[in-house]
Amino acid sequence: MPATVDQLTLGPLGTNCYLVRAERGAVEAVVVDPSGTAAEIRLALASHGARCAGILVTHGHFDHILGLADLAEGTGASVYAPAGERALLEQPSSFTPPGVAVRPWTADTFLVGGESLELAGLRIQVRAVPGHSPGHLAYAVGEALFSGDVLFAGSVGRTDFPGGDWQTLVGSIRMLVDSFPPDTVVYPGHGPATTLGEELARNPFLAELRDERRGEAAG
């Protein structure tokens, strides 16, 4: 049975926060990228009769961790975050625009990719997907892939931030396409959900990958 995913669009940049449960009605949920206030997220959890059993962070850019400290402190949930983004979590002012306040927080578990987690009745695969930021992670839960700011519907993550790199980003997306079925649902950090197959077929930024596939088919 596919996991139940509820999307919240929060914060000044309309960043997606996800509540992920093993099934509808489950009393435990994993929160992916607490991008709004802890109060907003806890209200959404309460509306589903669920409690926060863990918090996953894809990367340390401020709009993905706005509610992290307050949510972790208020719920006691363990935080899982990229080891390569530790400085951004613990010193968020280094990547926070004027007028935006983000409390620092230290994750309980730092991840590098390749790990498998068991939280809230969910089996979660952790994949390293650098390119938008150097330590970026994606989380695969059954048929769902939480891609953060690596891949969007019709677009890809920016690479002009510190630590960003275009060819590294393309390599990360190539790995995802090679590792998961085309009908895998991609839940991005911004915008609507999509699928890996849809993006490989039509995303204008993935022409390089399409050309590779045509070349492989012709060979």
N, C-alpha and C. Protein backbone atom coordinates (compact mmCIF):
# COMPACT_ATOMS: atom_id res chain seq x y z
N MET A 1 0.84 -1.19 0.00
CA MET A 1 0.00 0.00 0.00
C MET A 1 0.88 1.25 0.00
N PRO A 2 0.63 2.20 -0.91
CA PRO A 2 1.45 3.42 -0.95
C PRO A 2 1.30 4.24 0.32
N ALA A 3 2.36 4.94 0.65
CA ALA A 3 2.30 5.84 1.80
C ALA A 3 1.30 6.96 1.53
N THR A 4 0.74 7.51 2.59
CA THR A 4 -0.14 8.67 2.50
C THR A 4 0.69 9.93 2.64
N VAL A 5 0.56 10.83 1.67
CA VAL A 5 1.36 12.05 1.66
C VAL A 5 0.43 13.26 1.64
N ASP A 6 0.59 14.14 2.60
CA ASP A 6 -0.15 15.40 2.64
C ASP A 6 0.85 16.54 2.48
N GLN A 7 0.56 17.43 1.53
CA GLN A 7 1.45 18.54 1.21
C GLN A 7 0.96 19.83 1.84
N LEU A 8 1.88 20.52 2.51
CA LEU A 8 1.62 21.85 3.04
C LEU A 8 2.56 22.81 2.31
N THR A 9 2.05 23.92 1.81
CA THR A 9 2.90 24.92 1.16
C THR A 9 3.01 26.10 2.11
N LEU A 10 4.22 26.32 2.62
CA LEU A 10 4.41 27.22 3.76
C LEU A 10 5.59 28.16 3.54
N GLY A 11 5.67 29.17 4.37
CA GLY A 11 6.82 30.06 4.41
C GLY A 11 6.83 31.10 3.31
N PRO A 12 7.79 32.00 3.35
CA PRO A 12 7.83 33.14 2.43
C PRO A 12 8.08 32.76 0.98
N LEU A 13 8.64 31.57 0.73
CA LEU A 13 8.92 31.14 -0.63
C LEU A 13 7.99 30.04 -1.11
N GLY A 14 6.91 29.81 -0.38
CA GLY A 14 5.96 28.77 -0.79
C GLY A 14 6.62 27.41 -0.89
N THR A 15 7.36 27.05 0.14
CA THR A 15 8.10 25.79 0.16
C THR A 15 7.21 24.66 0.64
N ASN A 16 7.36 23.50 0.02
CA ASN A 16 6.54 22.35 0.38
C ASN A 16 7.09 21.64 1.62
N CYS A 17 6.20 21.39 2.56
CA CYS A 17 6.45 20.54 3.72
C CYS A 17 5.51 19.35 3.57
N TYR A 18 6.00 18.16 3.85
CA TYR A 18 5.18 16.96 3.65
C TYR A 18 4.98 16.21 4.97
N LEU A 19 3.76 15.74 5.16
CA LEU A 19 3.43 14.84 6.25
C LEU A 19 3.24 13.46 5.64
N VAL A 20 4.04 12.51 6.05
CA VAL A 20 4.06 11.19 5.42
C VAL A 20 3.68 10.15 6.46
N ARG A 21 2.64 9.37 6.11
CA ARG A 21 2.18 8.31 7.01
C ARG A 21 2.11 6.99 6.27
N ALA A 22 2.22 5.89 7.00
CA ALA A 22 2.18 4.57 6.37
C ALA A 22 0.84 4.32 5.69
N GLU A 23 -0.21 4.91 6.24
CA GLU A 23 -1.55 4.79 5.65
C GLU A 23 -2.42 5.87 6.26
N ARG A 24 -3.50 6.17 5.57
CA ARG A 24 -4.42 7.18 6.10
C ARG A 24 -5.00 6.68 7.42
N GLY A 25 -5.01 7.52 8.42
CA GLY A 25 -5.48 7.13 9.74
C GLY A 25 -4.37 6.71 10.69
N ALA A 26 -3.14 6.55 10.14
CA ALA A 26 -2.01 6.19 11.01
C ALA A 26 -1.75 7.31 12.00
N VAL A 27 -1.36 6.94 13.21
CA VAL A 27 -1.20 7.94 14.27
C VAL A 27 0.20 8.52 14.33
N GLU A 28 1.12 8.01 13.51
CA GLU A 28 2.47 8.56 13.46
C GLU A 28 2.76 9.07 12.06
N ALA A 29 3.46 10.19 11.99
CA ALA A 29 3.82 10.78 10.70
C ALA A 29 5.27 11.23 10.73
N VAL A 30 5.88 11.22 9.57
CA VAL A 30 7.20 11.81 9.38
C VAL A 30 7.00 13.14 8.67
N VAL A 31 7.67 14.16 9.15
CA VAL A 31 7.60 15.49 8.53
C VAL A 31 8.86 15.69 7.69
N VAL A 32 8.67 16.00 6.42
CA VAL A 32 9.79 16.28 5.52
C VAL A 32 9.86 17.79 5.28
N ASP A 33 10.99 18.38 5.60
CA ASP A 33 11.26 19.80 5.39
C ASP A 33 10.23 20.72 6.07
N PRO A 34 10.40 20.98 7.36
CA PRO A 34 9.47 21.85 8.10
C PRO A 34 9.65 23.31 7.69
N SER A 35 8.99 23.69 6.60
CA SER A 35 9.25 24.97 5.94
C SER A 35 8.44 26.13 6.46
N GLY A 36 7.48 25.86 7.34
CA GLY A 36 6.69 26.94 7.93
C GLY A 36 6.90 26.98 9.43
N THR A 37 5.97 27.57 10.14
CA THR A 37 6.09 27.59 11.59
C THR A 37 5.71 26.23 12.17
N ALA A 38 6.26 25.95 13.33
CA ALA A 38 5.91 24.69 13.99
C ALA A 38 4.42 24.64 14.30
N ALA A 39 3.83 25.79 14.62
CA ALA A 39 2.40 25.82 14.94
C ALA A 39 1.57 25.37 13.74
N GLU A 40 1.91 25.83 12.55
CA GLU A 40 1.18 25.43 11.34
C GLU A 40 1.29 23.93 11.11
N ILE A 41 2.48 23.41 11.29
CA ILE A 41 2.71 21.99 11.03
C ILE A 41 2.01 21.13 12.08
N ARG A 42 2.09 21.54 13.33
CA ARG A 42 1.43 20.77 14.38
C ARG A 42 -0.08 20.81 14.25
N LEU A 43 -0.62 21.93 13.79
CA LEU A 43 -2.06 22.01 13.55
C LEU A 43 -2.46 21.03 12.45
N ALA A 44 -1.66 20.96 11.39
CA ALA A 44 -1.96 20.03 10.31
C ALA A 44 -1.87 18.58 10.80
N LEU A 45 -0.86 18.28 11.59
CA LEU A 45 -0.75 16.94 12.16
C LEU A 45 -1.97 16.60 13.00
N ALA A 46 -2.39 17.54 13.84
CA ALA A 46 -3.55 17.31 14.70
C ALA A 46 -4.81 17.07 13.89
N SER A 47 -4.93 17.77 12.75
CA SER A 47 -6.13 17.59 11.92
C SER A 47 -6.22 16.19 11.35
N HIS A 48 -5.07 15.51 11.27
CA HIS A 48 -5.05 14.13 10.80
C HIS A 48 -4.98 13.13 11.95
N GLY A 49 -5.02 13.63 13.17
CA GLY A 49 -4.93 12.75 14.33
C GLY A 49 -3.58 12.08 14.45
N ALA A 50 -2.54 12.78 14.00
CA ALA A 50 -1.20 12.18 13.98
C ALA A 50 -0.23 12.97 14.82
N ARG A 51 0.84 12.31 15.23
CA ARG A 51 1.92 12.98 15.94
C ARG A 51 3.20 12.85 15.13
N CYS A 52 4.11 13.76 15.34
CA CYS A 52 5.38 13.77 14.61
C CYS A 52 6.33 12.73 15.20
N ALA A 53 6.67 11.73 14.38
CA ALA A 53 7.55 10.66 14.84
C ALA A 53 8.98 10.81 14.34
N GLY A 54 9.22 11.81 13.51
CA GLY A 54 10.56 12.04 12.98
C GLY A 54 10.52 13.18 11.98
N ILE A 55 11.63 13.85 11.82
CA ILE A 55 11.74 14.98 10.91
C ILE A 55 12.91 14.73 9.95
N LEU A 56 12.63 14.79 8.65
CA LEU A 56 13.65 14.62 7.63
C LEU A 56 13.93 15.96 6.97
N VAL A 57 15.19 16.28 6.79
CA VAL A 57 15.61 17.52 6.13
C VAL A 57 16.35 17.15 4.85
N THR A 58 15.92 17.71 3.71
CA THR A 58 16.61 17.42 2.45
C THR A 58 17.89 18.22 2.32
N HIS A 59 17.86 19.49 2.73
CA HIS A 59 19.06 20.33 2.68
C HIS A 59 18.85 21.52 3.59
N GLY A 60 19.91 22.30 3.77
CA GLY A 60 19.89 23.30 4.82
C GLY A 60 19.50 24.70 4.42
N HIS A 61 19.00 24.93 3.22
CA HIS A 61 18.58 26.28 2.85
C HIS A 61 17.43 26.74 3.74
N PHE A 62 17.44 28.02 4.07
CA PHE A 62 16.60 28.52 5.15
C PHE A 62 15.13 28.20 5.00
N ASP A 63 14.62 28.22 3.76
CA ASP A 63 13.18 28.04 3.57
C ASP A 63 12.73 26.62 3.83
N HIS A 64 13.65 25.68 3.97
CA HIS A 64 13.29 24.29 4.26
C HIS A 64 13.41 23.94 5.74
N ILE A 65 13.93 24.88 6.54
CA ILE A 65 14.16 24.57 7.96
C ILE A 65 13.59 25.64 8.89
N LEU A 66 12.67 26.46 8.37
CA LEU A 66 12.15 27.56 9.18
C LEU A 66 11.57 27.08 10.50
N GLY A 67 10.83 25.98 10.47
CA GLY A 67 10.18 25.50 11.68
C GLY A 67 10.90 24.37 12.37
N LEU A 68 12.11 24.05 11.91
CA LEU A 68 12.80 22.86 12.39
C LEU A 68 13.03 22.87 13.90
N ALA A 69 13.66 23.90 14.41
CA ALA A 69 14.00 23.93 15.83
C ALA A 69 12.77 23.87 16.71
N ASP A 70 11.77 24.69 16.39
CA ASP A 70 10.56 24.72 17.22
C ASP A 70 9.80 23.41 17.15
N LEU A 71 9.74 22.80 15.95
CA LEU A 71 9.02 21.53 15.81
C LEU A 71 9.73 20.42 16.55
N ALA A 72 11.05 20.34 16.42
CA ALA A 72 11.80 19.31 17.12
C ALA A 72 11.71 19.49 18.63
N GLU A 73 11.83 20.72 19.06
CA GLU A 73 11.78 21.01 20.50
C GLU A 73 10.40 20.72 21.06
N GLY A 74 9.36 21.10 20.32
CA GLY A 74 8.00 20.94 20.82
C GLY A 74 7.47 19.53 20.79
N THR A 75 7.97 18.71 19.86
CA THR A 75 7.45 17.34 19.73
C THR A 75 8.40 16.29 20.27
N GLY A 76 9.67 16.66 20.44
CA GLY A 76 10.65 15.67 20.87
C GLY A 76 11.06 14.71 19.78
N ALA A 77 10.64 14.96 18.54
CA ALA A 77 10.95 14.07 17.43
C ALA A 77 12.41 14.18 17.04
N SER A 78 12.99 13.06 16.66
CA SER A 78 14.38 13.06 16.20
C SER A 78 14.47 13.69 14.81
N VAL A 79 15.59 14.38 14.58
CA VAL A 79 15.83 15.05 13.31
C VAL A 79 16.93 14.31 12.55
N TYR A 80 16.65 14.03 11.27
CA TYR A 80 17.60 13.38 10.38
C TYR A 80 17.93 14.37 9.27
N ALA A 81 19.21 14.65 9.08
CA ALA A 81 19.60 15.72 8.16
C ALA A 81 20.92 15.38 7.48
N PRO A 82 21.22 16.06 6.37
CA PRO A 82 22.46 15.76 5.65
C PRO A 82 23.69 16.21 6.42
N ALA A 83 24.66 15.33 6.50
CA ALA A 83 25.91 15.68 7.17
C ALA A 83 26.58 16.86 6.47
N GLY A 84 26.47 16.92 5.15
CA GLY A 84 27.10 17.97 4.39
C GLY A 84 26.44 19.33 4.52
N GLU A 85 25.29 19.38 5.19
CA GLU A 85 24.58 20.64 5.39
C GLU A 85 24.58 21.06 6.86
N ARG A 86 25.40 20.39 7.66
CA ARG A 86 25.38 20.64 9.10
C ARG A 86 25.60 22.10 9.44
N ALA A 87 26.54 22.75 8.76
CA ALA A 87 26.83 24.15 9.06
C ALA A 87 25.62 25.04 8.82
N LEU A 88 24.82 24.73 7.81
CA LEU A 88 23.64 25.55 7.52
C LEU A 88 22.57 25.38 8.59
N LEU A 89 22.46 24.18 9.16
CA LEU A 89 21.49 23.96 10.22
C LEU A 89 21.93 24.63 11.52
N GLU A 90 23.21 24.57 11.80
CA GLU A 90 23.71 25.08 13.08
C GLU A 90 24.07 26.56 13.03
N GLN A 91 24.26 27.09 11.82
CA GLN A 91 24.53 28.52 11.63
C GLN A 91 23.68 29.05 10.48
N PRO A 92 22.36 29.01 10.63
CA PRO A 92 21.48 29.35 9.50
C PRO A 92 21.59 30.79 9.04
N SER A 93 22.10 31.66 9.88
CA SER A 93 22.22 33.07 9.48
C SER A 93 23.16 33.25 8.29
N SER A 94 23.99 32.25 8.01
CA SER A 94 24.92 32.35 6.88
C SER A 94 24.20 32.24 5.55
N PHE A 95 22.94 31.76 5.55
CA PHE A 95 22.18 31.63 4.31
C PHE A 95 20.73 32.05 4.55
N THR A 96 20.56 33.15 5.24
CA THR A 96 19.22 33.64 5.56
C THR A 96 19.12 35.11 5.15
N PRO A 97 18.11 35.48 4.38
CA PRO A 97 17.99 36.88 3.95
C PRO A 97 17.62 37.79 5.11
N PRO A 98 17.86 39.08 4.97
CA PRO A 98 17.50 40.03 6.03
C PRO A 98 16.01 39.95 6.36
N GLY A 99 15.70 40.05 7.64
CA GLY A 99 14.32 40.03 8.06
C GLY A 99 13.74 38.66 8.31
N VAL A 100 14.51 37.60 8.02
CA VAL A 100 14.05 36.23 8.27
C VAL A 100 14.90 35.63 9.39
N ALA A 101 14.24 35.13 10.41
CA ALA A 101 14.96 34.54 11.55
C ALA A 101 14.75 33.03 11.55
N VAL A 102 15.84 32.30 11.61
CA VAL A 102 15.80 30.84 11.69
C VAL A 102 16.63 30.41 12.89
N ARG A 103 16.02 29.66 13.78
CA ARG A 103 16.75 29.17 14.94
C ARG A 103 17.69 28.04 14.55
N PRO A 104 18.92 28.04 15.04
CA PRO A 104 19.83 26.93 14.76
C PRO A 104 19.38 25.66 15.46
N TRP A 105 19.75 24.53 14.89
CA TRP A 105 19.42 23.24 15.48
C TRP A 105 20.44 22.21 15.04
N THR A 106 20.77 21.29 15.93
CA THR A 106 21.67 20.19 15.60
C THR A 106 20.86 18.91 15.45
N ALA A 107 21.00 18.26 14.32
CA ALA A 107 20.25 17.03 14.07
C ALA A 107 20.69 15.92 15.03
N ASP A 108 19.78 15.01 15.29
CA ASP A 108 20.11 13.83 16.09
C ASP A 108 20.96 12.85 15.29
N THR A 109 20.66 12.75 14.00
CA THR A 109 21.38 11.83 13.12
C THR A 109 21.74 12.54 11.83
N PHE A 110 23.02 12.53 11.50
CA PHE A 110 23.47 13.10 10.23
C PHE A 110 23.68 11.98 9.22
N LEU A 111 23.20 12.19 8.01
CA LEU A 111 23.18 11.17 6.98
C LEU A 111 24.05 11.58 5.80
N VAL A 112 24.55 10.60 5.06
CA VAL A 112 25.37 10.88 3.88
C VAL A 112 24.81 10.27 2.61
N GLY A 113 23.75 9.47 2.73
CA GLY A 113 23.19 8.76 1.59
C GLY A 113 23.56 7.30 1.64
N GLY A 114 22.63 6.45 1.27
CA GLY A 114 22.84 5.01 1.33
C GLY A 114 22.24 4.36 2.56
N GLU A 115 21.79 5.17 3.52
CA GLU A 115 21.17 4.63 4.72
C GLU A 115 19.73 4.20 4.45
N SER A 116 19.24 3.36 5.32
CA SER A 116 17.83 2.97 5.31
C SER A 116 17.27 3.22 6.71
N LEU A 117 16.17 3.96 6.78
CA LEU A 117 15.57 4.32 8.06
C LEU A 117 14.22 3.62 8.22
N GLU A 118 13.86 3.35 9.45
CA GLU A 118 12.52 2.82 9.78
C GLU A 118 11.87 3.81 10.74
N LEU A 119 10.90 4.56 10.24
CA LEU A 119 10.21 5.56 11.05
C LEU A 119 8.72 5.52 10.77
N ALA A 120 7.91 5.57 11.80
CA ALA A 120 6.45 5.65 11.68
C ALA A 120 5.90 4.56 10.78
N GLY A 121 6.49 3.38 10.84
CA GLY A 121 6.03 2.27 10.02
C GLY A 121 6.44 2.39 8.56
N LEU A 122 7.35 3.30 8.26
CA LEU A 122 7.81 3.54 6.89
C LEU A 122 9.27 3.09 6.74
N ARG A 123 9.58 2.50 5.61
CA ARG A 123 10.98 2.21 5.27
C ARG A 123 11.44 3.30 4.32
N ILE A 124 12.48 4.00 4.71
CA ILE A 124 12.92 5.19 3.98
C ILE A 124 14.34 4.97 3.47
N GLN A 125 14.52 5.07 2.17
CA GLN A 125 15.84 4.99 1.56
C GLN A 125 16.41 6.41 1.42
N VAL A 126 17.65 6.58 1.80
CA VAL A 126 18.31 7.88 1.74
C VAL A 126 19.28 7.89 0.56
N ARG A 127 19.15 8.90 -0.30
CA ARG A 127 20.02 9.00 -1.47
C ARG A 127 20.72 10.36 -1.49
N ALA A 128 22.01 10.35 -1.74
CA ALA A 128 22.76 11.60 -1.90
C ALA A 128 22.50 12.16 -3.29
N VAL A 129 22.05 13.42 -3.34
CA VAL A 129 21.74 14.07 -4.62
C VAL A 129 22.31 15.49 -4.63
N PRO A 130 23.62 15.63 -4.58
CA PRO A 130 24.21 16.96 -4.59
C PRO A 130 24.01 17.67 -5.93
N GLY A 131 24.30 18.95 -5.93
CA GLY A 131 24.20 19.74 -7.15
C GLY A 131 23.53 21.06 -6.90
N HIS A 132 22.36 21.03 -6.25
CA HIS A 132 21.72 22.27 -5.81
C HIS A 132 22.44 22.80 -4.57
N SER A 133 22.78 21.89 -3.69
CA SER A 133 23.63 22.18 -2.53
C SER A 133 24.50 20.95 -2.32
N PRO A 134 25.66 21.10 -1.71
CA PRO A 134 26.64 20.01 -1.71
C PRO A 134 26.24 18.76 -0.95
N GLY A 135 25.42 18.89 0.10
CA GLY A 135 25.06 17.73 0.90
C GLY A 135 23.63 17.26 0.71
N HIS A 136 22.96 17.76 -0.29
CA HIS A 136 21.52 17.51 -0.50
C HIS A 136 21.20 16.02 -0.50
N LEU A 137 20.09 15.67 0.15
CA LEU A 137 19.59 14.30 0.18
C LEU A 137 18.18 14.23 -0.40
N ALA A 138 17.83 13.07 -0.94
CA ALA A 138 16.46 12.75 -1.30
C ALA A 138 16.04 11.53 -0.49
N TYR A 139 14.75 11.44 -0.24
CA TYR A 139 14.22 10.34 0.57
C TYR A 139 13.17 9.58 -0.24
N ALA A 140 13.37 8.28 -0.40
CA ALA A 140 12.43 7.44 -1.13
C ALA A 140 11.63 6.61 -0.13
N VAL A 141 10.31 6.69 -0.27
CA VAL A 141 9.40 5.94 0.60
C VAL A 141 8.43 5.20 -0.30
N GLY A 142 8.69 3.93 -0.54
CA GLY A 142 7.84 3.16 -1.45
C GLY A 142 7.85 3.77 -2.84
N GLU A 143 6.68 4.18 -3.31
CA GLU A 143 6.54 4.75 -4.65
C GLU A 143 6.70 6.26 -4.66
N ALA A 144 7.11 6.85 -3.54
CA ALA A 144 7.25 8.30 -3.43
C ALA A 144 8.71 8.68 -3.27
N LEU A 145 9.08 9.80 -3.88
CA LEU A 145 10.44 10.31 -3.78
C LEU A 145 10.37 11.78 -3.41
N PHE A 146 10.94 12.13 -2.27
CA PHE A 146 10.96 13.51 -1.79
C PHE A 146 12.30 14.11 -2.23
N SER A 147 12.22 14.96 -3.27
CA SER A 147 13.41 15.38 -3.99
C SER A 147 13.98 16.71 -3.53
N GLY A 148 13.33 17.38 -2.57
CA GLY A 148 13.83 18.68 -2.17
C GLY A 148 13.91 19.61 -3.36
N ASP A 149 15.03 20.30 -3.52
CA ASP A 149 15.18 21.26 -4.61
C ASP A 149 16.08 20.75 -5.73
N VAL A 150 16.09 19.44 -5.93
CA VAL A 150 16.88 18.86 -7.02
C VAL A 150 16.06 18.82 -8.31
N LEU A 151 14.82 18.35 -8.22
CA LEU A 151 13.98 18.15 -9.39
C LEU A 151 12.57 18.63 -9.11
N PHE A 152 12.03 19.42 -10.05
CA PHE A 152 10.67 19.95 -9.95
C PHE A 152 9.86 19.53 -11.17
N ALA A 153 8.57 19.79 -11.15
CA ALA A 153 7.74 19.60 -12.33
C ALA A 153 8.13 20.67 -13.35
N GLY A 154 8.80 20.27 -14.41
CA GLY A 154 9.18 21.17 -15.47
C GLY A 154 10.44 21.98 -15.22
N SER A 155 11.15 21.70 -14.14
CA SER A 155 12.34 22.49 -13.84
C SER A 155 13.29 21.66 -12.97
N VAL A 156 14.42 22.27 -12.61
CA VAL A 156 15.40 21.64 -11.74
C VAL A 156 15.92 22.69 -10.76
N GLY A 157 16.69 22.26 -9.81
CA GLY A 157 17.21 23.17 -8.80
C GLY A 157 18.25 24.13 -9.34
N ARG A 158 18.30 25.29 -8.74
CA ARG A 158 19.32 26.27 -9.09
C ARG A 158 20.71 25.76 -8.70
N THR A 159 21.70 26.19 -9.47
CA THR A 159 23.07 25.78 -9.16
C THR A 159 23.99 26.99 -8.95
N ASP A 160 23.37 28.18 -8.80
CA ASP A 160 24.18 29.39 -8.61
C ASP A 160 24.36 29.76 -7.14
N PHE A 161 23.88 28.91 -6.23
CA PHE A 161 24.15 29.12 -4.81
C PHE A 161 25.51 28.53 -4.46
N PRO A 162 26.08 28.93 -3.32
CA PRO A 162 27.36 28.34 -2.90
C PRO A 162 27.27 26.81 -2.83
N GLY A 163 28.23 26.15 -3.45
CA GLY A 163 28.26 24.69 -3.44
C GLY A 163 27.45 24.05 -4.54
N GLY A 164 26.75 24.86 -5.36
CA GLY A 164 25.97 24.31 -6.45
C GLY A 164 26.84 24.00 -7.66
N ASP A 165 26.42 23.02 -8.47
CA ASP A 165 27.18 22.65 -9.65
C ASP A 165 26.26 21.95 -10.64
N TRP A 166 26.21 22.45 -11.87
CA TRP A 166 25.26 21.94 -12.85
C TRP A 166 25.50 20.47 -13.20
N GLN A 167 26.72 20.11 -13.53
CA GLN A 167 26.98 18.72 -13.93
C GLN A 167 26.74 17.76 -12.76
N THR A 168 27.03 18.20 -11.56
CA THR A 168 26.74 17.37 -10.38
C THR A 168 25.24 17.17 -10.23
N LEU A 169 24.46 18.23 -10.45
CA LEU A 169 23.01 18.13 -10.37
C LEU A 169 22.47 17.16 -11.42
N VAL A 170 22.94 17.29 -12.66
CA VAL A 170 22.50 16.38 -13.71
C VAL A 170 22.85 14.94 -13.35
N GLY A 171 24.03 14.73 -12.78
CA GLY A 171 24.42 13.39 -12.35
C GLY A 171 23.51 12.83 -11.28
N SER A 172 23.07 13.69 -10.37
CA SER A 172 22.15 13.25 -9.32
C SER A 172 20.81 12.84 -9.91
N ILE A 173 20.30 13.63 -10.84
CA ILE A 173 19.03 13.30 -11.47
C ILE A 173 19.16 12.02 -12.31
N ARG A 174 20.29 11.88 -12.99
CA ARG A 174 20.54 10.65 -13.75
C ARG A 174 20.47 9.44 -12.83
N MET A 175 21.09 9.55 -11.65
CA MET A 175 21.06 8.45 -10.70
C MET A 175 19.65 8.11 -10.28
N LEU A 176 18.83 9.13 -10.02
CA LEU A 176 17.44 8.88 -9.62
C LEU A 176 16.67 8.17 -10.72
N VAL A 177 16.85 8.65 -11.94
CA VAL A 177 16.14 8.04 -13.08
C VAL A 177 16.57 6.59 -13.27
N ASP A 178 17.84 6.31 -13.04
CA ASP A 178 18.34 4.94 -13.19
C ASP A 178 17.95 4.03 -12.04
N SER A 179 17.65 4.63 -10.87
CA SER A 179 17.44 3.84 -9.66
C SER A 179 15.98 3.52 -9.37
N PHE A 180 15.06 4.35 -9.89
CA PHE A 180 13.66 4.19 -9.53
C PHE A 180 12.79 4.08 -10.78
N PRO A 181 11.64 3.43 -10.67
CA PRO A 181 10.75 3.26 -11.83
C PRO A 181 10.23 4.60 -12.34
N PRO A 182 9.87 4.66 -13.63
CA PRO A 182 9.36 5.92 -14.20
C PRO A 182 8.11 6.45 -13.53
N ASP A 183 7.29 5.56 -12.95
CA ASP A 183 6.05 6.02 -12.33
C ASP A 183 6.25 6.44 -10.87
N THR A 184 7.50 6.51 -10.41
CA THR A 184 7.77 7.02 -9.07
C THR A 184 7.29 8.45 -8.96
N VAL A 185 6.49 8.74 -7.93
CA VAL A 185 5.95 10.08 -7.75
C VAL A 185 6.99 10.95 -7.06
N VAL A 186 7.31 12.07 -7.70
CA VAL A 186 8.29 13.01 -7.16
C VAL A 186 7.55 14.12 -6.42
N TYR A 187 7.87 14.27 -5.14
CA TYR A 187 7.31 15.34 -4.32
C TYR A 187 8.42 16.37 -4.11
N PRO A 188 8.39 17.47 -4.86
CA PRO A 188 9.50 18.43 -4.82
C PRO A 188 9.38 19.46 -3.72
N GLY A 189 10.44 20.24 -3.57
CA GLY A 189 10.45 21.28 -2.56
C GLY A 189 9.58 22.47 -2.89
N HIS A 190 9.22 22.63 -4.15
CA HIS A 190 8.34 23.71 -4.58
C HIS A 190 7.48 23.19 -5.73
N GLY A 191 6.23 23.64 -5.79
CA GLY A 191 5.38 23.29 -6.90
C GLY A 191 4.70 21.94 -6.75
N PRO A 192 4.00 21.52 -7.81
CA PRO A 192 3.20 20.29 -7.74
C PRO A 192 4.04 19.03 -7.87
N ALA A 193 3.43 17.92 -7.50
CA ALA A 193 4.07 16.62 -7.66
C ALA A 193 4.13 16.26 -9.14
N THR A 194 5.04 15.35 -9.48
CA THR A 194 5.20 14.89 -10.85
C THR A 194 5.68 13.44 -10.78
N THR A 195 6.20 12.90 -11.87
CA THR A 195 6.81 11.58 -11.87
C THR A 195 8.17 11.64 -12.54
N LEU A 196 9.01 10.70 -12.24
CA LEU A 196 10.32 10.66 -12.88
C LEU A 196 10.18 10.50 -14.39
N GLY A 197 9.25 9.65 -14.82
CA GLY A 197 9.07 9.43 -16.24
C GLY A 197 8.60 10.67 -16.97
N GLU A 198 7.68 11.40 -16.35
CA GLU A 198 7.18 12.64 -16.95
C GLU A 198 8.30 13.65 -17.11
N GLU A 199 9.14 13.77 -16.11
CA GLU A 199 10.23 14.75 -16.20
C GLU A 199 11.30 14.34 -17.19
N LEU A 200 11.62 13.06 -17.26
CA LEU A 200 12.60 12.61 -18.24
C LEU A 200 12.08 12.83 -19.65
N ALA A 201 10.78 12.69 -19.83
CA ALA A 201 10.20 12.84 -21.17
C ALA A 201 10.06 14.28 -21.61
N ARG A 202 9.76 15.20 -20.67
CA ARG A 202 9.35 16.54 -21.09
C ARG A 202 10.08 17.70 -20.43
N ASN A 203 10.79 17.48 -19.35
CA ASN A 203 11.43 18.59 -18.66
C ASN A 203 12.48 19.22 -19.57
N PRO A 204 12.36 20.52 -19.86
CA PRO A 204 13.30 21.14 -20.80
C PRO A 204 14.75 21.15 -20.31
N PHE A 205 14.97 21.02 -19.03
CA PHE A 205 16.32 21.04 -18.48
C PHE A 205 17.00 19.67 -18.54
N LEU A 206 16.26 18.64 -18.95
CA LEU A 206 16.81 17.29 -18.96
C LEU A 206 17.07 16.78 -20.37
N ALA A 207 17.24 17.70 -21.32
CA ALA A 207 17.51 17.30 -22.71
C ALA A 207 18.77 16.45 -22.79
N GLU A 208 19.75 16.78 -21.97
CA GLU A 208 21.01 16.01 -21.96
C GLU A 208 20.76 14.54 -21.62
N LEU A 209 19.90 14.30 -20.63
CA LEU A 209 19.59 12.92 -20.25
C LEU A 209 18.78 12.23 -21.34
N ARG A 210 17.87 12.95 -21.98
CA ARG A 210 17.10 12.34 -23.08
C ARG A 210 18.01 11.96 -24.24
N ASP A 211 18.97 12.83 -24.55
CA ASP A 211 19.91 12.52 -25.62
C ASP A 211 20.73 11.28 -25.28
N GLU A 212 21.11 11.16 -24.02
CA GLU A 212 21.86 9.97 -23.59
C GLU A 212 21.04 8.71 -23.82
N ARG A 213 19.75 8.77 -23.44
CA ARG A 213 18.89 7.59 -23.58
C ARG A 213 18.70 7.23 -25.05
N ARG A 214 18.56 8.23 -25.91
CA ARG A 214 18.42 7.95 -27.35
C ARG A 214 19.69 7.31 -27.90
N GLY A 215 20.83 7.83 -27.43
CA GLY A 215 22.09 7.26 -27.87
C GLY A 215 22.26 5.81 -27.43
N GLU A 216 21.85 5.52 -26.20
CA GLU A 216 21.93 4.15 -25.70
C GLU A 216 21.02 3.22 -26.48
N ALA A 217 19.80 3.73 -26.81
CA ALA A 217 18.84 2.90 -27.55
C ALA A 217 19.37 2.62 -28.97
N ALA A 218 19.99 3.65 -29.57
CA ALA A 218 20.50 3.48 -30.94
C ALA A 218 21.69 2.55 -30.98
N GLY A 219 22.47 2.55 -29.86
CA GLY A 219 23.67 1.70 -29.82
C GLY A 219 23.33 0.26 -29.57
